[in-house]
Protein backbone atom coordinates (compact mmCIF):
# COMPACT_ATOMS: atom_id res chain seq x y z
CA MET A 1 113.02 -61.27 58.05
CA PRO A 2 114.63 -64.31 56.34
CA ALA A 3 112.89 -67.66 56.47
CA PRO A 4 114.70 -70.32 58.52
CA ALA A 5 116.05 -72.17 55.51
CA ALA A 6 117.19 -69.08 53.63
CA PRO A 7 120.93 -69.37 54.41
CA ILE A 8 120.98 -72.95 53.11
CA THR A 9 119.05 -71.93 49.98
CA ARG A 10 121.54 -69.17 49.30
CA GLN A 11 124.40 -71.54 49.91
CA LYS A 12 123.08 -73.95 47.28
CA LYS A 13 122.39 -71.24 44.73
CA ARG A 14 125.82 -69.68 45.19
CA ALA A 15 127.71 -72.88 46.01
CA ARG A 16 130.55 -72.05 43.64
CA PHE A 17 131.39 -69.07 45.86
CA ASP A 18 131.53 -71.01 49.14
CA ILE A 19 135.20 -71.85 48.66
CA GLN A 20 138.21 -69.94 49.95
CA LEU A 21 138.17 -66.99 47.59
CA ASP A 22 141.03 -64.59 47.06
CA ARG A 23 138.94 -61.45 47.19
CA HIS A 24 139.36 -57.72 47.24
CA GLU A 25 137.10 -55.46 49.29
CA ALA A 26 136.64 -51.71 49.46
CA LYS A 27 134.44 -49.78 51.90
CA TYR A 28 133.00 -46.29 51.66
CA ILE A 29 130.88 -44.26 54.06
CA ILE A 30 128.12 -42.59 52.06
CA PRO A 31 125.28 -40.26 53.08
CA ILE A 32 121.97 -42.10 53.21
CA SER A 33 120.65 -39.66 50.58
CA TYR A 34 122.96 -41.35 48.02
CA LEU A 35 121.17 -44.68 48.29
CA PRO A 36 118.36 -44.21 45.71
CA GLU A 37 120.73 -42.93 43.04
CA ILE A 38 123.32 -45.68 43.64
CA ARG A 39 120.58 -48.32 43.47
CA ARG A 40 119.57 -46.95 40.07
CA PHE A 41 123.19 -46.89 38.94
CA ILE A 42 123.85 -50.57 39.75
CA GLU A 43 120.44 -51.90 38.62
CA PRO A 44 121.55 -52.78 35.04
CA PHE A 45 124.48 -54.80 36.41
CA CYS A 46 123.10 -56.40 39.59
CA GLU A 47 120.32 -58.58 40.89
CA PRO A 48 119.04 -58.68 44.48
CA ASP A 49 120.62 -61.16 46.85
CA PRO A 50 118.13 -64.06 47.00
CA TYR A 51 118.72 -64.19 50.75
CA GLY A 52 117.22 -60.71 51.15
CA ARG A 53 113.57 -59.99 51.74
CA GLY A 54 111.53 -56.98 50.71
CA ASN A 55 112.33 -54.01 48.53
CA PRO A 56 115.15 -53.18 48.99
CA PRO A 57 116.39 -56.75 49.70
CA GLU A 58 117.56 -56.82 53.31
CA TYR A 59 118.48 -59.22 56.08
CA ASP A 60 119.86 -58.86 59.59
CA ILE A 61 123.28 -60.17 60.61
CA THR A 62 124.35 -60.86 64.18
CA THR A 63 127.99 -61.71 64.87
CA ILE A 64 129.85 -62.79 68.00
CA GLN A 65 133.41 -61.50 67.68
CA LEU A 66 135.99 -63.70 69.40
CA ASP A 67 139.42 -62.54 70.54
CA GLY A 68 142.14 -63.51 72.97
CA PRO A 69 142.43 -62.08 76.52
CA ALA A 70 144.83 -59.34 75.38
CA LEU A 71 142.76 -58.61 72.23
CA PRO A 72 145.50 -59.53 69.74
CA LEU A 73 143.12 -59.60 66.76
CA HIS A 74 141.88 -56.10 67.54
CA HIS A 75 145.41 -54.77 68.02
CA ALA A 76 146.52 -56.32 64.72
CA LYS A 77 143.88 -54.16 63.06
CA GLU A 78 144.90 -51.14 65.10
CA VAL A 79 148.51 -51.31 63.86
CA ASP A 80 147.34 -52.27 60.36
CA ALA A 81 149.25 -55.56 60.39
CA TYR A 82 149.84 -56.83 56.88
CA ASN A 83 148.72 -60.37 57.71
CA ARG A 84 145.83 -60.56 60.17
CA PHE A 85 142.54 -62.35 60.70
CA LYS A 86 139.22 -62.25 62.56
CA LEU A 87 137.25 -65.00 64.26
CA ARG A 88 133.52 -64.53 63.69
CA VAL A 89 130.49 -66.55 64.72
CA ARG A 90 127.60 -65.36 62.59
CA THR A 91 123.90 -66.01 62.13
CA TYR A 92 121.20 -64.45 59.97
CA GLY A 93 117.73 -63.16 60.78
CA LYS A 94 116.28 -63.81 64.22
CA PRO A 95 118.81 -65.83 66.25
CA GLY A 96 117.75 -69.45 66.19
CA SER A 97 116.06 -69.27 62.78
CA SER A 98 119.14 -70.16 60.72
CA PRO A 99 122.44 -72.02 61.11
CA VAL A 100 125.54 -70.59 62.75
CA PHE A 101 128.53 -69.88 60.52
CA LEU A 102 132.07 -70.09 61.87
CA GLU A 103 134.31 -67.78 59.87
CA VAL A 104 138.02 -67.10 59.68
CA LYS A 105 138.48 -63.93 57.66
CA ARG A 106 142.10 -63.30 56.75
CA LYS A 107 143.50 -60.10 55.32
CA MET A 108 146.89 -60.11 53.60
CA GLY A 109 147.54 -56.64 52.32
CA HIS A 110 144.55 -55.87 50.11
CA ARG A 111 143.65 -59.54 49.62
CA ILE A 112 140.85 -61.22 51.55
CA VAL A 113 140.62 -64.98 52.08
CA LYS A 114 137.67 -66.32 54.05
CA SER A 115 136.81 -69.83 55.16
CA ARG A 116 133.34 -70.57 56.44
CA THR A 117 131.67 -73.58 58.04
CA SER A 118 127.98 -73.92 58.89
CA ILE A 119 126.73 -75.82 61.93
CA PRO A 120 123.25 -76.21 63.45
CA PHE A 121 122.32 -73.25 65.63
CA GLU A 122 121.85 -75.42 68.71
CA ALA A 123 125.32 -77.02 68.29
CA TRP A 124 127.17 -73.76 68.94
CA SER A 125 128.66 -73.54 72.45
CA LYS A 126 131.91 -73.08 74.34
CA ASP A 127 132.14 -76.85 74.79
CA LEU A 128 132.10 -77.30 71.03
CA MET A 129 135.39 -75.39 70.94
CA PHE A 130 137.16 -76.75 74.02
CA ASN A 131 135.46 -80.01 74.99
CA PRO A 132 133.35 -81.18 72.05
CA ARG A 133 130.66 -83.77 72.72
CA VAL A 134 128.60 -83.07 69.60
CA SER A 135 129.04 -85.10 66.43
CA LEU A 136 128.70 -82.81 63.42
CA ALA A 137 127.89 -83.80 59.85
CA PHE A 138 129.68 -81.46 57.45
CA LYS A 139 128.54 -80.77 53.90
CA SER A 140 132.04 -81.25 52.51
CA ALA A 141 135.60 -82.06 53.46
CA LYS A 142 136.45 -78.38 52.97
CA GLU A 143 133.88 -77.39 55.62
CA GLU A 144 135.29 -79.94 58.04
CA VAL A 145 138.81 -78.58 57.49
CA GLY A 146 137.45 -75.05 58.04
CA PHE A 147 135.84 -76.15 61.30
CA LEU A 148 139.06 -77.72 62.57
CA GLU A 149 141.03 -74.61 61.63
CA PHE A 150 138.54 -72.42 63.51
CA VAL A 151 138.80 -74.63 66.61
CA ARG A 152 142.61 -74.62 66.41
CA LEU A 153 142.77 -70.81 66.33
CA VAL A 154 140.26 -70.46 69.18
CA ARG A 155 142.31 -72.80 71.36
CA GLU A 156 145.67 -71.26 70.48
CA LEU A 157 144.43 -67.77 71.30
CA ASP A 158 142.29 -68.90 74.24
CA ALA A 159 139.69 -66.84 72.40
CA ARG A 160 136.39 -65.88 73.96
CA PRO A 161 133.40 -63.65 73.09
CA VAL A 162 134.21 -59.96 73.31
CA VAL A 163 131.45 -58.07 71.53
CA LEU A 164 128.26 -58.66 69.57
CA ILE A 165 127.69 -56.80 66.30
CA ARG A 166 124.28 -56.48 64.64
CA TYR A 167 123.29 -54.63 61.49
CA THR A 168 120.98 -54.68 58.50
CA ARG A 169 122.49 -55.50 55.11
CA GLU A 170 121.07 -54.68 51.69
CA SER A 171 122.87 -56.87 49.19
CA TYR A 172 123.23 -57.33 45.43
CA PHE A 173 125.08 -59.79 43.17
CA SER A 174 126.47 -59.01 39.73
CA ARG A 175 124.41 -60.41 36.84
CA PHE A 176 127.47 -60.91 34.64
CA ASP A 177 130.68 -61.22 36.64
CA ARG A 178 131.95 -64.40 38.28
CA TYR A 179 132.20 -62.69 41.65
CA ALA A 180 131.14 -59.10 42.26
CA ARG A 181 128.91 -57.89 45.06
CA VAL A 182 127.58 -54.58 46.34
CA SER A 183 126.16 -54.20 49.83
CA PHE A 184 124.90 -51.42 52.08
CA ASP A 185 125.14 -51.85 55.86
CA ARG A 186 123.11 -49.67 58.21
CA HIS A 187 121.50 -49.69 61.68
CA LEU A 188 124.85 -50.74 63.15
CA LEU A 189 124.66 -51.84 66.78
CA TYR A 190 127.08 -53.38 69.26
CA GLN A 191 126.90 -54.96 72.68
CA PRO A 192 129.80 -56.00 74.94
CA THR A 193 129.47 -59.67 75.88
CA ASN A 194 131.22 -62.60 77.51
CA SER A 195 128.53 -65.12 76.63
CA TRP A 196 129.00 -67.86 74.03
CA THR A 197 125.29 -68.43 73.48
CA ASN A 198 123.42 -65.21 74.34
CA TRP A 199 122.84 -63.38 71.08
CA GLY A 200 121.95 -60.10 72.75
CA GLU A 201 118.29 -60.68 73.45
CA GLY A 202 117.03 -58.78 76.49
CA ARG A 203 120.15 -56.65 76.73
CA ARG A 204 120.91 -53.10 75.67
CA TRP A 205 122.37 -52.44 72.23
CA TYR A 206 124.46 -49.34 71.49
CA SER A 207 124.33 -47.54 68.16
CA MET A 208 127.37 -47.15 65.92
CA ASP A 209 125.41 -44.98 63.47
CA VAL A 210 127.25 -41.88 64.66
CA ASP A 211 129.88 -39.76 62.93
CA LEU A 212 132.56 -40.42 65.55
CA ALA A 213 132.33 -44.17 64.96
CA GLN A 214 131.70 -44.18 61.23
CA ASN A 215 133.57 -41.36 59.58
CA LYS A 216 136.42 -39.74 61.42
CA GLN A 217 137.57 -37.47 58.59
CA TYR A 218 134.40 -36.00 57.13
CA ARG A 219 132.33 -36.16 60.32
CA PHE A 220 128.99 -37.46 59.11
CA SER A 221 127.16 -40.68 59.84
CA GLY A 222 125.80 -42.68 56.98
CA VAL A 223 125.72 -46.08 55.32
CA ILE A 224 128.66 -48.43 54.78
CA LEU A 225 128.90 -49.20 51.08
CA GLU A 226 131.06 -52.24 50.36
CA ILE A 227 132.14 -53.64 47.02
CA LYS A 228 133.70 -57.09 46.74
CA THR A 229 135.46 -58.50 43.70
CA LEU A 230 138.08 -60.96 42.58
CA SER A 231 141.37 -59.62 41.24
CA ASP A 232 139.77 -57.99 38.18
CA THR A 233 137.39 -55.21 39.19
CA PRO A 234 134.49 -54.82 36.71
CA HIS A 235 134.42 -51.55 34.81
CA TRP A 236 130.96 -50.70 36.11
CA MET A 237 132.29 -50.81 39.69
CA ILE A 238 135.13 -48.45 38.75
CA ASP A 239 132.57 -46.15 37.12
CA LEU A 240 130.44 -46.32 40.30
CA VAL A 241 133.31 -45.11 42.48
CA GLN A 242 134.28 -42.36 40.05
CA HIS A 243 130.74 -41.19 39.32
CA PHE A 244 129.91 -40.65 43.00
CA ASP A 245 133.42 -39.46 43.89
CA LEU A 246 133.66 -42.07 46.65
CA VAL A 247 136.55 -41.96 49.12
CA ARG A 248 137.72 -45.34 50.37
CA ILE A 249 137.94 -45.68 54.14
CA GLY A 250 138.78 -48.51 56.52
CA ASN A 251 135.86 -49.65 58.64
CA CYS A 252 136.18 -52.68 60.91
CA LYS A 253 132.92 -53.10 62.80
CA TYR A 254 134.61 -55.09 65.59
CA SER A 255 137.36 -52.56 66.28
CA THR A 256 134.94 -49.66 65.86
CA ALA A 257 132.74 -51.15 68.60
CA LEU A 258 135.73 -51.50 70.94
CA TRP A 259 136.93 -47.98 70.19
CA GLN A 260 133.49 -46.51 70.78
CA GLU A 261 133.07 -48.44 74.00
CA SER A 262 136.46 -47.21 75.19
CA LEU A 263 135.31 -43.59 74.94
CA PHE A 264 132.74 -44.24 77.65
CA ARG A 265 134.39 -46.96 79.71
CA GLY A 266 137.96 -45.72 79.82
CA THR A 267 139.22 -49.11 78.69
CA PRO A 268 142.82 -49.42 77.46
CA PHE A 269 142.00 -50.03 73.79
CA LEU A 270 141.20 -46.40 72.98
CA ALA A 271 142.16 -45.74 69.36
CA PRO A 272 144.86 -43.07 68.82
CA TRP A 273 142.54 -41.06 66.57
CA ALA A 274 139.75 -41.06 69.18
CA ALA A 275 141.65 -38.88 71.66
CA ASP A 276 142.45 -36.38 68.89
CA VAL A 277 138.81 -36.21 67.85
CA LEU A 278 137.65 -35.70 71.43
CA LEU A 279 139.93 -32.67 71.75
CA THR A 280 137.99 -30.95 68.95
CA PHE A 281 134.69 -30.92 70.89
């Protein structure tokens, strides 16, 4: 599990990447049996994420997903809106051992632009968004602007916590390219919530490591492989996709959690594909 200062260490080491990057992302659901061979394939091109611990290099991520009362951010994903965004409140390792990161992740077509601001773990609260009494010291003017943008969107949407997402990430950085990353996400869990400060401790988590949630077409559960690049994809990444015959698939952890919950709760955000899948059982 990451040491308390690990997120800050990573931020310093990779400071040139903590700006608003115009990125491209692709996700693939792979059988867990592929992992050893893919690790060997990327080894000449990648180094372990210094934030990770162990072999393979891993860390846990816990995210509070915020949305408006009518779930507009979820529905934007559901209709595949060209220009959409997510509001995420994220921490690493055991909650309380690292800062909280406020993220606005925008998707415009295939382009990803993300702004991120770190704050002390104990500073995060509902009051910080709607009635701030805490004076924050930001590392840069860009972080302060990112914080104000996050607050603006929360207030405009009247956003509130909807669901917690937790998973384990195995992560690698390219040795040669300006920005190229490979990660594997597994042990995906979710928990409905309305709390701003409870990070899921003492409450039941529900698994998303099931075929219905992960892979609707090929019907197997596995690992989420994600590759992230700038506009020019390295040749070795193209070779990786072709060598393993990977099929790109959309996978939004937030919407997947809502869709899965709807199967059991009868809530109104049941995905169109979910009803079709249920009819096959």
